[in-house]
């Protein structure tokens, strides 16, 4: 795109060539932390309290392991910790009470030990309400507000809502997805769901959007969506890029899940170069290092120290 085209699309180009979206509400107080997304990239760590999680296959299912991982992520520099009790992929329904029992103790324990932003990955209003009461300040709904009551719960709190593009009903299969214009269709979906959230009373300053890498999409869809991310980041709201260890990375590089860290860092960095402001990552320390270096290159952050050639 030319600089003129980018300007009309809600972008400015930085001195490094990064795309800088014109965010309508860049400064956000989320939980006990404040972020200026005009000059900051947030790293969201992942703790799955499930026996069948996509990446760690139940490594943090035990309560003590989940709390330990959440605290460790915060200590390693993660800005947010996202706690989930149910995988996105298709599977049997988990009773609401069981999901609450999985996530709320982790939220409560982490809130006592750290000021890190606590996010809960859920599409259920009952779980969202219990998590917020326990100390969560973000509800990460990967179903595009499938249940309208979830928006009501967030509207009645101080929490932030992440709205994600996904086409399937929660935990239901969606085989052979097709798109004629994936960038435009995802942007239109997110715009519509943001308007819905606003109509239920969620302030725009408490909304984050996520294009849903791999969610009801093939690898080619996700690769195209990633390079067309400016169509999403140009909507004027902070964008979350949940790229870590996903199948589009594995299929693009022919790497199993345990060998996708380099690809995940590359995908996260590219997403940030195209305007994303939050990255969801399984490995907090290398992701934090990568994003802090991006901020340093952009001139948003001073070096930790300077000795070279001085």
C-alpha atoms as a PDB file:
ATOM      1  CA  UNK A   1       0.000   0.000   0.000  1.00  0.00           C
ATOM      2  CA  UNK A   2       1.123   3.568  -0.597  1.00  0.00           C
ATOM      3  CA  UNK A   3       1.464   5.940   2.375  1.00  0.00           C
ATOM      4  CA  UNK A   4      -1.611   7.810   1.103  1.00  0.00           C
ATOM      5  CA  UNK A   5      -3.665   4.611   0.912  1.00  0.00           C
ATOM      6  CA  UNK A   6      -2.529   3.603   4.393  1.00  0.00           C
ATOM      7  CA  UNK A   7      -3.482   7.002   5.779  1.00  0.00           C
ATOM      8  CA  UNK A   8      -6.998   6.691   4.358  1.00  0.00           C
ATOM      9  CA  UNK A   9      -7.181   3.190   5.873  1.00  0.00           C
ATOM     10  CA  UNK A  10      -6.507   4.429   9.402  1.00  0.00           C
ATOM     11  CA  UNK A  11      -2.755   3.800   9.435  1.00  0.00           C
ATOM     12  CA  UNK A  12       0.474   5.714   9.725  1.00  0.00           C
ATOM     13  CA  UNK A  13       3.850   4.324   8.763  1.00  0.00           C
ATOM     14  CA  UNK A  14       6.616   4.537  11.306  1.00  0.00           C
ATOM     15  CA  UNK A  15      10.242   5.339  10.471  1.00  0.00           C
ATOM     16  CA  UNK A  16      10.958   1.606  10.382  1.00  0.00           C
ATOM     17  CA  UNK A  17       8.139   0.771   7.987  1.00  0.00           C
ATOM     18  CA  UNK A  18       5.938  -0.763  10.691  1.00  0.00           C
ATOM     19  CA  UNK A  19       2.215  -0.110  10.292  1.00  0.00           C
ATOM     20  CA  UNK A  20       0.881   1.952  13.176  1.00  0.00           C
ATOM     21  CA  UNK A  21      -2.918   1.702  13.416  1.00  0.00           C
ATOM     22  CA  UNK A  22      -4.886   4.744  14.506  1.00  0.00           C
ATOM     23  CA  UNK A  23      -6.392   3.352  17.696  1.00  0.00           C
ATOM     24  CA  UNK A  24      -9.400   5.205  19.067  1.00  0.00           C
ATOM     25  CA  UNK A  25      -8.691   4.208  22.670  1.00  0.00           C
ATOM     26  CA  UNK A  26      -4.976   3.356  22.846  1.00  0.00           C
ATOM     27  CA  UNK A  27      -4.546   3.912  26.586  1.00  0.00           C
ATOM     28  CA  UNK A  28      -6.248   1.150  28.540  1.00  0.00           C
ATOM     29  CA  UNK A  29      -6.326   0.401  32.241  1.00  0.00           C
ATOM     30  CA  UNK A  30      -6.921  -3.340  32.433  1.00  0.00           C
ATOM     31  CA  UNK A  31      -6.999  -4.765  35.912  1.00  0.00           C
ATOM     32  CA  UNK A  32      -4.134  -3.244  37.845  1.00  0.00           C
ATOM     33  CA  UNK A  33      -2.017  -2.310  34.829  1.00  0.00           C
ATOM     34  CA  UNK A  34      -2.171   0.473  32.243  1.00  0.00           C
ATOM     35  CA  UNK A  35      -1.110   0.045  28.616  1.00  0.00           C
ATOM     36  CA  UNK A  36      -0.550   2.635  25.911  1.00  0.00           C
ATOM     37  CA  UNK A  37      -1.048   0.505  22.816  1.00  0.00           C
ATOM     38  CA  UNK A  38       0.344   3.291  20.655  1.00  0.00           C
ATOM     39  CA  UNK A  39       3.716   2.471  22.200  1.00  0.00           C
ATOM     40  CA  UNK A  40       3.384  -0.939  23.829  1.00  0.00           C
ATOM     41  CA  UNK A  41       2.952  -4.585  22.865  1.00  0.00           C
ATOM     42  CA  UNK A  42       1.398  -6.873  25.463  1.00  0.00           C
ATOM     43  CA  UNK A  43       2.351 -10.531  25.773  1.00  0.00           C
ATOM     44  CA  UNK A  44      -0.468 -12.826  26.855  1.00  0.00           C
ATOM     45  CA  UNK A  45       0.743 -16.109  28.339  1.00  0.00           C
ATOM     46  CA  UNK A  46      -1.374 -19.263  28.230  1.00  0.00           C
ATOM     47  CA  UNK A  47      -2.336 -21.602  31.057  1.00  0.00           C
ATOM     48  CA  UNK A  48      -4.759 -24.379  30.123  1.00  0.00           C
ATOM     49  CA  UNK A  49      -6.371 -26.182  33.017  1.00  0.00           C
ATOM     50  CA  UNK A  50      -7.586 -29.009  30.829  1.00  0.00           C
ATOM     51  CA  UNK A  51      -6.510 -32.642  30.495  1.00  0.00           C
ATOM     52  CA  UNK A  52      -6.551 -32.429  26.688  1.00  0.00           C
ATOM     53  CA  UNK A  53      -5.207 -28.988  25.820  1.00  0.00           C
ATOM     54  CA  UNK A  54      -4.039 -28.333  22.266  1.00  0.00           C
ATOM     55  CA  UNK A  55      -0.361 -27.791  23.051  1.00  0.00           C
ATOM     56  CA  UNK A  56       0.644 -29.013  26.497  1.00  0.00           C
ATOM     57  CA  UNK A  57      -1.684 -32.028  26.624  1.00  0.00           C
ATOM     58  CA  UNK A  58      -2.664 -31.555  30.264  1.00  0.00           C
ATOM     59  CA  UNK A  59       0.680 -30.458  31.724  1.00  0.00           C
ATOM     60  CA  UNK A  60      -1.078 -27.748  33.784  1.00  0.00           C
ATOM     61  CA  UNK A  61      -4.332 -29.580  34.503  1.00  0.00           C
ATOM     62  CA  UNK A  62      -3.500 -30.090  38.186  1.00  0.00           C
ATOM     63  CA  UNK A  63      -4.381 -26.999  40.220  1.00  0.00           C
ATOM     64  CA  UNK A  64      -0.941 -26.565  41.743  1.00  0.00           C
ATOM     65  CA  UNK A  65       0.733 -26.895  38.340  1.00  0.00           C
ATOM     66  CA  UNK A  66      -1.670 -24.374  36.804  1.00  0.00           C
ATOM     67  CA  UNK A  67      -1.051 -21.796  39.550  1.00  0.00           C
ATOM     68  CA  UNK A  68       2.700 -22.405  39.366  1.00  0.00           C
ATOM     69  CA  UNK A  69       2.691 -21.881  35.584  1.00  0.00           C
ATOM     70  CA  UNK A  70       0.601 -18.714  35.861  1.00  0.00           C
ATOM     71  CA  UNK A  71       2.862 -17.169  38.500  1.00  0.00           C
ATOM     72  CA  UNK A  72       5.962 -18.197  36.537  1.00  0.00           C
ATOM     73  CA  UNK A  73       4.607 -16.556  33.385  1.00  0.00           C
ATOM     74  CA  UNK A  74       4.074 -13.308  35.273  1.00  0.00           C
ATOM     75  CA  UNK A  75       7.574 -13.536  36.755  1.00  0.00           C
ATOM     76  CA  UNK A  76       8.976 -14.050  33.235  1.00  0.00           C
ATOM     77  CA  UNK A  77       7.495 -10.755  32.120  1.00  0.00           C
ATOM     78  CA  UNK A  78       4.121 -11.692  30.655  1.00  0.00           C
ATOM     79  CA  UNK A  79       1.688  -8.793  30.783  1.00  0.00           C
ATOM     80  CA  UNK A  80      -1.410 -11.000  30.753  1.00  0.00           C
ATOM     81  CA  UNK A  81      -2.096 -14.600  31.704  1.00  0.00           C
ATOM     82  CA  UNK A  82      -4.971 -16.296  29.864  1.00  0.00           C
ATOM     83  CA  UNK A  83      -6.542 -19.166  31.805  1.00  0.00           C
ATOM     84  CA  UNK A  84      -8.744 -21.689  30.035  1.00  0.00           C
ATOM     85  CA  UNK A  85     -10.813 -24.601  31.255  1.00  0.00           C
ATOM     86  CA  UNK A  86     -12.209 -25.866  27.935  1.00  0.00           C
ATOM     87  CA  UNK A  87     -10.355 -26.330  24.613  1.00  0.00           C
ATOM     88  CA  UNK A  88     -11.626 -24.574  21.483  1.00  0.00           C
ATOM     89  CA  UNK A  89     -11.573 -27.698  19.365  1.00  0.00           C
ATOM     90  CA  UNK A  90     -14.684 -29.900  19.039  1.00  0.00           C
ATOM     91  CA  UNK A  91     -15.448 -32.183  21.952  1.00  0.00           C
ATOM     92  CA  UNK A  92     -17.993 -33.142  24.603  1.00  0.00           C
ATOM     93  CA  UNK A  93     -19.658 -30.415  26.610  1.00  0.00           C
ATOM     94  CA  UNK A  94     -18.191 -29.727  30.036  1.00  0.00           C
ATOM     95  CA  UNK A  95     -20.701 -28.798  32.756  1.00  0.00           C
ATOM     96  CA  UNK A  96     -20.581 -25.131  33.720  1.00  0.00           C
ATOM     97  CA  UNK A  97     -19.812 -25.972  37.345  1.00  0.00           C
ATOM     98  CA  UNK A  98     -16.813 -28.024  36.279  1.00  0.00           C
ATOM     99  CA  UNK A  99     -15.433 -25.216  34.117  1.00  0.00           C
ATOM    100  CA  UNK A 100     -15.817 -22.783  37.012  1.00  0.00           C
ATOM    101  CA  UNK A 101     -14.028 -25.218  39.302  1.00  0.00           C
ATOM    102  CA  UNK A 102     -11.159 -25.433  36.843  1.00  0.00           C
ATOM    103  CA  UNK A 103     -10.524 -21.730  36.260  1.00  0.00           C
ATOM    104  CA  UNK A 104     -11.694 -19.773  39.313  1.00  0.00           C
ATOM    105  CA  UNK A 105      -9.170 -21.184  41.843  1.00  0.00           C
ATOM    106  CA  UNK A 106      -6.330 -20.348  39.456  1.00  0.00           C
ATOM    107  CA  UNK A 107      -7.667 -16.818  38.979  1.00  0.00           C
ATOM    108  CA  UNK A 108      -8.066 -16.249  42.712  1.00  0.00           C
ATOM    109  CA  UNK A 109      -4.613 -17.568  43.565  1.00  0.00           C
ATOM    110  CA  UNK A 110      -2.871 -15.598  40.811  1.00  0.00           C
ATOM    111  CA  UNK A 111      -4.700 -12.385  41.768  1.00  0.00           C
ATOM    112  CA  UNK A 112      -3.295 -12.742  45.293  1.00  0.00           C
ATOM    113  CA  UNK A 113       0.271 -13.219  44.079  1.00  0.00           C
ATOM    114  CA  UNK A 114       0.648 -10.822  41.133  1.00  0.00           C
ATOM    115  CA  UNK A 115      -0.726  -7.668  39.536  1.00  0.00           C
ATOM    116  CA  UNK A 116      -0.538  -9.321  36.089  1.00  0.00           C
ATOM    117  CA  UNK A 117      -3.655  -8.928  33.941  1.00  0.00           C
ATOM    118  CA  UNK A 118      -5.764 -12.066  34.342  1.00  0.00           C
ATOM    119  CA  UNK A 119      -7.778 -13.231  31.354  1.00  0.00           C
ATOM    120  CA  UNK A 120     -10.203 -16.154  31.229  1.00  0.00           C
ATOM    121  CA  UNK A 121     -10.878 -17.984  27.979  1.00  0.00           C
ATOM    122  CA  UNK A 122     -14.604 -18.799  28.091  1.00  0.00           C
ATOM    123  CA  UNK A 123     -17.809 -18.378  26.107  1.00  0.00           C
ATOM    124  CA  UNK A 124     -20.112 -18.950  29.073  1.00  0.00           C
ATOM    125  CA  UNK A 125     -21.598 -16.014  30.999  1.00  0.00           C
ATOM    126  CA  UNK A 126     -21.714 -17.961  34.268  1.00  0.00           C
ATOM    127  CA  UNK A 127     -18.002 -18.737  34.063  1.00  0.00           C
ATOM    128  CA  UNK A 128     -17.224 -15.144  33.085  1.00  0.00           C
ATOM    129  CA  UNK A 129     -19.141 -13.769  36.072  1.00  0.00           C
ATOM    130  CA  UNK A 130     -17.415 -16.130  38.515  1.00  0.00           C
ATOM    131  CA  UNK A 131     -13.986 -15.378  37.026  1.00  0.00           C
ATOM    132  CA  UNK A 132     -14.482 -11.612  37.216  1.00  0.00           C
ATOM    133  CA  UNK A 133     -15.602 -11.914  40.837  1.00  0.00           C
ATOM    134  CA  UNK A 134     -12.422 -13.880  41.570  1.00  0.00           C
ATOM    135  CA  UNK A 135     -10.123 -11.266  40.016  1.00  0.00           C
ATOM    136  CA  UNK A 136     -10.137 -11.666  36.226  1.00  0.00           C
ATOM    137  CA  UNK A 137     -10.149  -8.438  34.243  1.00  0.00           C
ATOM    138  CA  UNK A 138     -10.437  -9.850  30.696  1.00  0.00           C
ATOM    139  CA  UNK A 139     -12.936 -12.287  29.205  1.00  0.00           C
ATOM    140  CA  UNK A 140     -11.463 -13.893  26.095  1.00  0.00           C
ATOM    141  CA  UNK A 141     -14.428 -15.231  24.107  1.00  0.00           C
ATOM    142  CA  UNK A 142     -13.249 -17.278  21.131  1.00  0.00           C
ATOM    143  CA  UNK A 143     -16.805 -17.759  19.818  1.00  0.00           C
ATOM    144  CA  UNK A 144     -17.623 -14.204  18.725  1.00  0.00           C
ATOM    145  CA  UNK A 145     -20.141 -13.717  21.577  1.00  0.00           C
ATOM    146  CA  UNK A 146     -22.139 -16.842  20.757  1.00  0.00           C
ATOM    147  CA  UNK A 147     -24.121 -16.314  23.971  1.00  0.00           C
ATOM    148  CA  UNK A 148     -25.399 -12.717  24.151  1.00  0.00           C
ATOM    149  CA  UNK A 149     -25.492 -12.888  27.944  1.00  0.00           C
ATOM    150  CA  UNK A 150     -21.690 -12.908  27.985  1.00  0.00           C
ATOM    151  CA  UNK A 151     -21.705  -9.326  26.724  1.00  0.00           C
ATOM    152  CA  UNK A 152     -24.160  -8.418  29.477  1.00  0.00           C
ATOM    153  CA  UNK A 153     -21.855  -9.859  32.139  1.00  0.00           C
ATOM    154  CA  UNK A 154     -18.897  -7.869  30.823  1.00  0.00           C
ATOM    155  CA  UNK A 155     -20.983  -4.698  30.481  1.00  0.00           C
ATOM    156  CA  UNK A 156     -21.950  -4.943  34.152  1.00  0.00           C
ATOM    157  CA  UNK A 157     -18.294  -5.132  35.216  1.00  0.00           C
ATOM    158  CA  UNK A 158     -15.022  -3.296  34.601  1.00  0.00           C
ATOM    159  CA  UNK A 159     -13.659  -6.159  32.506  1.00  0.00           C
ATOM    160  CA  UNK A 160     -12.348  -6.038  28.940  1.00  0.00           C
ATOM    161  CA  UNK A 161     -13.924  -8.276  26.289  1.00  0.00           C
ATOM    162  CA  UNK A 162     -11.925 -10.001  23.546  1.00  0.00           C
ATOM    163  CA  UNK A 163     -14.143 -10.679  20.515  1.00  0.00           C
ATOM    164  CA  UNK A 164     -12.800 -13.371  18.191  1.00  0.00           C
ATOM    165  CA  UNK A 165     -13.744 -14.387  14.671  1.00  0.00           C
ATOM    166  CA  UNK A 166     -15.070 -17.952  14.629  1.00  0.00           C
ATOM    167  CA  UNK A 167     -17.887 -19.454  12.580  1.00  0.00           C
ATOM    168  CA  UNK A 168     -18.689 -22.705  14.386  1.00  0.00           C
ATOM    169  CA  UNK A 169     -20.940 -23.176  17.373  1.00  0.00           C
ATOM    170  CA  UNK A 170     -18.871 -23.719  20.527  1.00  0.00           C
ATOM    171  CA  UNK A 171     -17.014 -27.045  20.458  1.00  0.00           C
ATOM    172  CA  UNK A 172     -18.754 -28.130  17.250  1.00  0.00           C
ATOM    173  CA  UNK A 173     -16.897 -29.197  14.071  1.00  0.00           C
ATOM    174  CA  UNK A 174     -16.784 -26.907  11.052  1.00  0.00           C
ATOM    175  CA  UNK A 175     -15.254 -28.953   8.239  1.00  0.00           C
ATOM    176  CA  UNK A 176     -14.035 -27.546   4.929  1.00  0.00           C
ATOM    177  CA  UNK A 177     -14.445 -23.803   5.608  1.00  0.00           C
ATOM    178  CA  UNK A 178     -14.555 -21.551   2.560  1.00  0.00           C
ATOM    179  CA  UNK A 179     -14.027 -17.813   2.140  1.00  0.00           C
ATOM    180  CA  UNK A 180     -14.228 -15.694  -0.982  1.00  0.00           C
ATOM    181  CA  UNK A 181     -12.522 -12.698   0.689  1.00  0.00           C
ATOM    182  CA  UNK A 182     -11.116 -13.719   4.039  1.00  0.00           C
ATOM    183  CA  UNK A 183      -9.763 -10.321   5.054  1.00  0.00           C
ATOM    184  CA  UNK A 184     -12.996  -8.541   4.246  1.00  0.00           C
ATOM    185  CA  UNK A 185     -15.208 -11.251   5.722  1.00  0.00           C
ATOM    186  CA  UNK A 186     -13.308 -11.412   9.011  1.00  0.00           C
ATOM    187  CA  UNK A 187     -13.273  -7.615   9.298  1.00  0.00           C
ATOM    188  CA  UNK A 188     -17.010  -7.450   8.605  1.00  0.00           C
ATOM    189  CA  UNK A 189     -17.750 -10.156  11.179  1.00  0.00           C
ATOM    190  CA  UNK A 190     -15.704  -8.406  13.849  1.00  0.00           C
ATOM    191  CA  UNK A 191     -17.282  -5.035  13.068  1.00  0.00           C
ATOM    192  CA  UNK A 192     -20.726  -6.576  13.430  1.00  0.00           C
ATOM    193  CA  UNK A 193     -19.903  -8.277  16.741  1.00  0.00           C
ATOM    194  CA  UNK A 194     -18.342  -5.094  18.111  1.00  0.00           C
ATOM    195  CA  UNK A 195     -21.568  -3.240  17.283  1.00  0.00           C
ATOM    196  CA  UNK A 196     -23.494  -5.986  19.053  1.00  0.00           C
ATOM    197  CA  UNK A 197     -21.306  -5.672  22.161  1.00  0.00           C
ATOM    198  CA  UNK A 198     -21.787  -1.909  22.129  1.00  0.00           C
ATOM    199  CA  UNK A 199     -25.551  -2.394  21.909  1.00  0.00           C
ATOM    200  CA  UNK A 200     -25.399  -4.522  25.075  1.00  0.00           C
ATOM    201  CA  UNK A 201     -23.513  -1.819  26.946  1.00  0.00           C
ATOM    202  CA  UNK A 202     -19.858  -2.855  26.604  1.00  0.00           C
ATOM    203  CA  UNK A 203     -17.843   0.375  26.135  1.00  0.00           C
ATOM    204  CA  UNK A 204     -15.653   0.496  23.035  1.00  0.00           C
ATOM    205  CA  UNK A 205     -12.701   1.334  25.294  1.00  0.00           C
ATOM    206  CA  UNK A 206     -13.053  -2.139  26.811  1.00  0.00           C
ATOM    207  CA  UNK A 207     -13.099  -4.149  23.572  1.00  0.00           C
ATOM    208  CA  UNK A 208     -10.212  -6.010  21.916  1.00  0.00           C
ATOM    209  CA  UNK A 209     -10.593  -7.943  18.649  1.00  0.00           C
ATOM    210  CA  UNK A 210      -8.963 -11.158  17.463  1.00  0.00           C
ATOM    211  CA  UNK A 211      -9.086 -12.398  13.832  1.00  0.00           C
ATOM    212  CA  UNK A 212      -8.978 -16.009  15.032  1.00  0.00           C
ATOM    213  CA  UNK A 213      -5.891 -17.516  13.433  1.00  0.00           C
ATOM    214  CA  UNK A 214      -6.696 -21.140  12.484  1.00  0.00           C
ATOM    215  CA  UNK A 215     -10.183 -21.006  14.023  1.00  0.00           C
ATOM    216  CA  UNK A 216     -12.509 -22.510  11.379  1.00  0.00           C
ATOM    217  CA  UNK A 217      -9.837 -21.699   8.792  1.00  0.00           C
ATOM    218  CA  UNK A 218      -7.360 -23.716   6.749  1.00  0.00           C
ATOM    219  CA  UNK A 219      -3.638 -23.009   6.768  1.00  0.00           C
ATOM    220  CA  UNK A 220      -3.879 -21.080   3.489  1.00  0.00           C
ATOM    221  CA  UNK A 221      -6.743 -19.025   4.935  1.00  0.00           C
ATOM    222  CA  UNK A 222      -4.693 -18.167   8.027  1.00  0.00           C
ATOM    223  CA  UNK A 223      -1.568 -17.291   6.074  1.00  0.00           C
ATOM    224  CA  UNK A 224      -3.570 -14.929   3.869  1.00  0.00           C
ATOM    225  CA  UNK A 225      -5.381 -13.473   6.873  1.00  0.00           C
ATOM    226  CA  UNK A 226      -2.041 -12.802   8.550  1.00  0.00           C
ATOM    227  CA  UNK A 227      -0.654 -10.843   5.599  1.00  0.00           C
ATOM    228  CA  UNK A 228      -3.980  -8.993   5.360  1.00  0.00           C
ATOM    229  CA  UNK A 229      -3.977  -8.166   9.056  1.00  0.00           C
ATOM    230  CA  UNK A 230      -4.039  -4.402   8.321  1.00  0.00           C
ATOM    231  CA  UNK A 231      -7.684  -4.876   7.333  1.00  0.00           C
ATOM    232  CA  UNK A 232      -8.328  -5.985  10.910  1.00  0.00           C
ATOM    233  CA  UNK A 233      -5.974  -3.662  12.776  1.00  0.00           C
ATOM    234  CA  UNK A 234      -7.360  -0.794  10.699  1.00  0.00           C
ATOM    235  CA  UNK A 235     -10.696  -1.134  12.511  1.00  0.00           C
ATOM    236  CA  UNK A 236      -9.236   1.078  15.245  1.00  0.00           C
ATOM    237  CA  UNK A 237      -9.317  -1.361  18.163  1.00  0.00           C
ATOM    238  CA  UNK A 238      -6.366  -3.204  19.716  1.00  0.00           C
ATOM    239  CA  UNK A 239      -5.873  -6.538  17.957  1.00  0.00           C
ATOM    240  CA  UNK A 240      -4.883  -9.766  19.662  1.00  0.00           C
ATOM    241  CA  UNK A 241      -2.896 -12.199  17.513  1.00  0.00           C
ATOM    242  CA  UNK A 242      -3.219 -15.718  18.958  1.00  0.00           C
ATOM    243  CA  UNK A 243      -0.630 -17.451  16.783  1.00  0.00           C
ATOM    244  CA  UNK A 244       1.423 -19.579  19.156  1.00  0.00           C
ATOM    245  CA  UNK A 245       2.233 -23.118  17.969  1.00  0.00           C
ATOM    246  CA  UNK A 246      -0.830 -23.273  15.750  1.00  0.00           C
ATOM    247  CA  UNK A 247      -1.263 -25.690  12.892  1.00  0.00           C
ATOM    248  CA  UNK A 248      -0.736 -23.052  10.200  1.00  0.00           C
ATOM    249  CA  UNK A 249       2.826 -22.714  11.504  1.00  0.00           C
ATOM    250  CA  UNK A 250       3.351 -26.463  11.634  1.00  0.00           C
ATOM    251  CA  UNK A 251       1.947 -27.020   8.151  1.00  0.00           C
ATOM    252  CA  UNK A 252       3.813 -24.076   6.633  1.00  0.00           C
ATOM    253  CA  UNK A 253       7.143 -25.263   8.062  1.00  0.00           C
ATOM    254  CA  UNK A 254       6.558 -29.020   8.412  1.00  0.00           C
ATOM    255  CA  UNK A 255       7.182 -28.867  12.163  1.00  0.00           C
ATOM    256  CA  UNK A 256       5.475 -30.795  14.993  1.00  0.00           C
ATOM    257  CA  UNK A 257       3.968 -28.821  17.883  1.00  0.00           C
ATOM    258  CA  UNK A 258       7.084 -29.052  20.039  1.00  0.00           C
ATOM    259  CA  UNK A 259       9.235 -27.485  17.275  1.00  0.00           C
ATOM    260  CA  UNK A 260       7.156 -24.418  16.429  1.00  0.00           C
ATOM    261  CA  UNK A 261       8.673 -21.807  18.746  1.00  0.00           C
ATOM    262  CA  UNK A 262      10.735 -20.048  16.060  1.00  0.00           C
ATOM    263  CA  UNK A 263       7.766 -19.980  13.699  1.00  0.00           C
ATOM    264  CA  UNK A 264       5.537 -18.696  16.504  1.00  0.00           C
ATOM    265  CA  UNK A 265       7.931 -15.830  17.279  1.00  0.00           C
ATOM    266  CA  UNK A 266       8.116 -14.973  13.574  1.00  0.00           C
ATOM    267  CA  UNK A 267       4.309 -15.011  13.242  1.00  0.00           C
ATOM    268  CA  UNK A 268       3.893 -12.856  16.335  1.00  0.00           C
ATOM    269  CA  UNK A 269       6.518 -10.362  15.157  1.00  0.00           C
ATOM    270  CA  UNK A 270       4.971 -10.132  11.699  1.00  0.00           C
ATOM    271  CA  UNK A 271       1.547  -9.601  13.254  1.00  0.00           C
ATOM    272  CA  UNK A 272       2.920  -6.747  15.359  1.00  0.00           C
ATOM    273  CA  UNK A 273       4.588  -5.216  12.303  1.00  0.00           C
ATOM    274  CA  UNK A 274       1.142  -5.222  10.680  1.00  0.00           C
ATOM    275  CA  UNK A 275      -0.527  -3.543  13.655  1.00  0.00           C
ATOM    276  CA  UNK A 276      -1.377  -6.175  16.294  1.00  0.00           C
ATOM    277  CA  UNK A 277      -0.800  -4.999  19.842  1.00  0.00           C
ATOM    278  CA  UNK A 278      -1.283  -8.178  21.907  1.00  0.00           C
ATOM    279  CA  UNK A 279       0.254 -11.580  21.175  1.00  0.00           C
ATOM    280  CA  UNK A 280      -0.910 -14.812  22.835  1.00  0.00           C
ATOM    281  CA  UNK A 281       2.065 -17.124  23.362  1.00  0.00           C
ATOM    282  CA  UNK A 282       2.838 -20.427  25.091  1.00  0.00           C
ATOM    283  CA  UNK A 283       6.487 -19.554  25.884  1.00  0.00           C
ATOM    284  CA  UNK A 284       6.453 -16.266  27.813  1.00  0.00           C
ATOM    285  CA  UNK A 285      10.155 -15.498  28.199  1.00  0.00           C
ATOM    286  CA  UNK A 286      11.224 -15.681  24.524  1.00  0.00           C
ATOM    287  CA  UNK A 287       8.012 -13.951  23.455  1.00  0.00           C
ATOM    288  CA  UNK A 288       8.603 -11.127  25.946  1.00  0.00           C
ATOM    289  CA  UNK A 289      12.195 -10.746  24.744  1.00  0.00           C
ATOM    290  CA  UNK A 290      11.049 -10.610  21.121  1.00  0.00           C
ATOM    291  CA  UNK A 291       8.364  -8.011  21.770  1.00  0.00           C
ATOM    292  CA  UNK A 292      10.575  -5.851  23.990  1.00  0.00           C
ATOM    293  CA  UNK A 293      13.188  -5.830  21.214  1.00  0.00           C
ATOM    294  CA  UNK A 294      10.524  -4.778  18.700  1.00  0.00           C
ATOM    295  CA  UNK A 295       9.614  -1.911  21.038  1.00  0.00           C
ATOM    296  CA  UNK A 296      13.288  -0.945  21.324  1.00  0.00           C
ATOM    297  CA  UNK A 297      13.751  -0.903  17.538  1.00  0.00           C
ATOM    298  CA  UNK A 298      10.666   1.289  17.219  1.00  0.00           C
ATOM    299  CA  UNK A 299      12.098   3.707  19.782  1.00  0.00           C
ATOM    300  CA  UNK A 300       9.333   3.004  22.271  1.00  0.00           C
ATOM    301  CA  UNK A 301      11.688   1.517  24.874  1.00  0.00           C
ATOM    302  CA  UNK A 302      15.194   2.441  25.994  1.00  0.00           C
ATOM    303  CA  UNK A 303      17.852  -0.289  26.061  1.00  0.00           C
ATOM    304  CA  UNK A 304      18.213  -2.020  29.426  1.00  0.00           C
ATOM    305  CA  UNK A 305      21.806  -0.731  29.394  1.00  0.00           C
ATOM    306  CA  UNK A 306      24.413   0.584  26.917  1.00  0.00           C
ATOM    307  CA  UNK A 307      28.049  -0.558  26.905  1.00  0.00           C
ATOM    308  CA  UNK A 308      28.840  -1.517  23.330  1.00  0.00           C
ATOM    309  CA  UNK A 309      31.460   0.800  21.783  1.00  0.00           C
ATOM    310  CA  UNK A 310      31.129   3.291  24.618  1.00  0.00           C
END
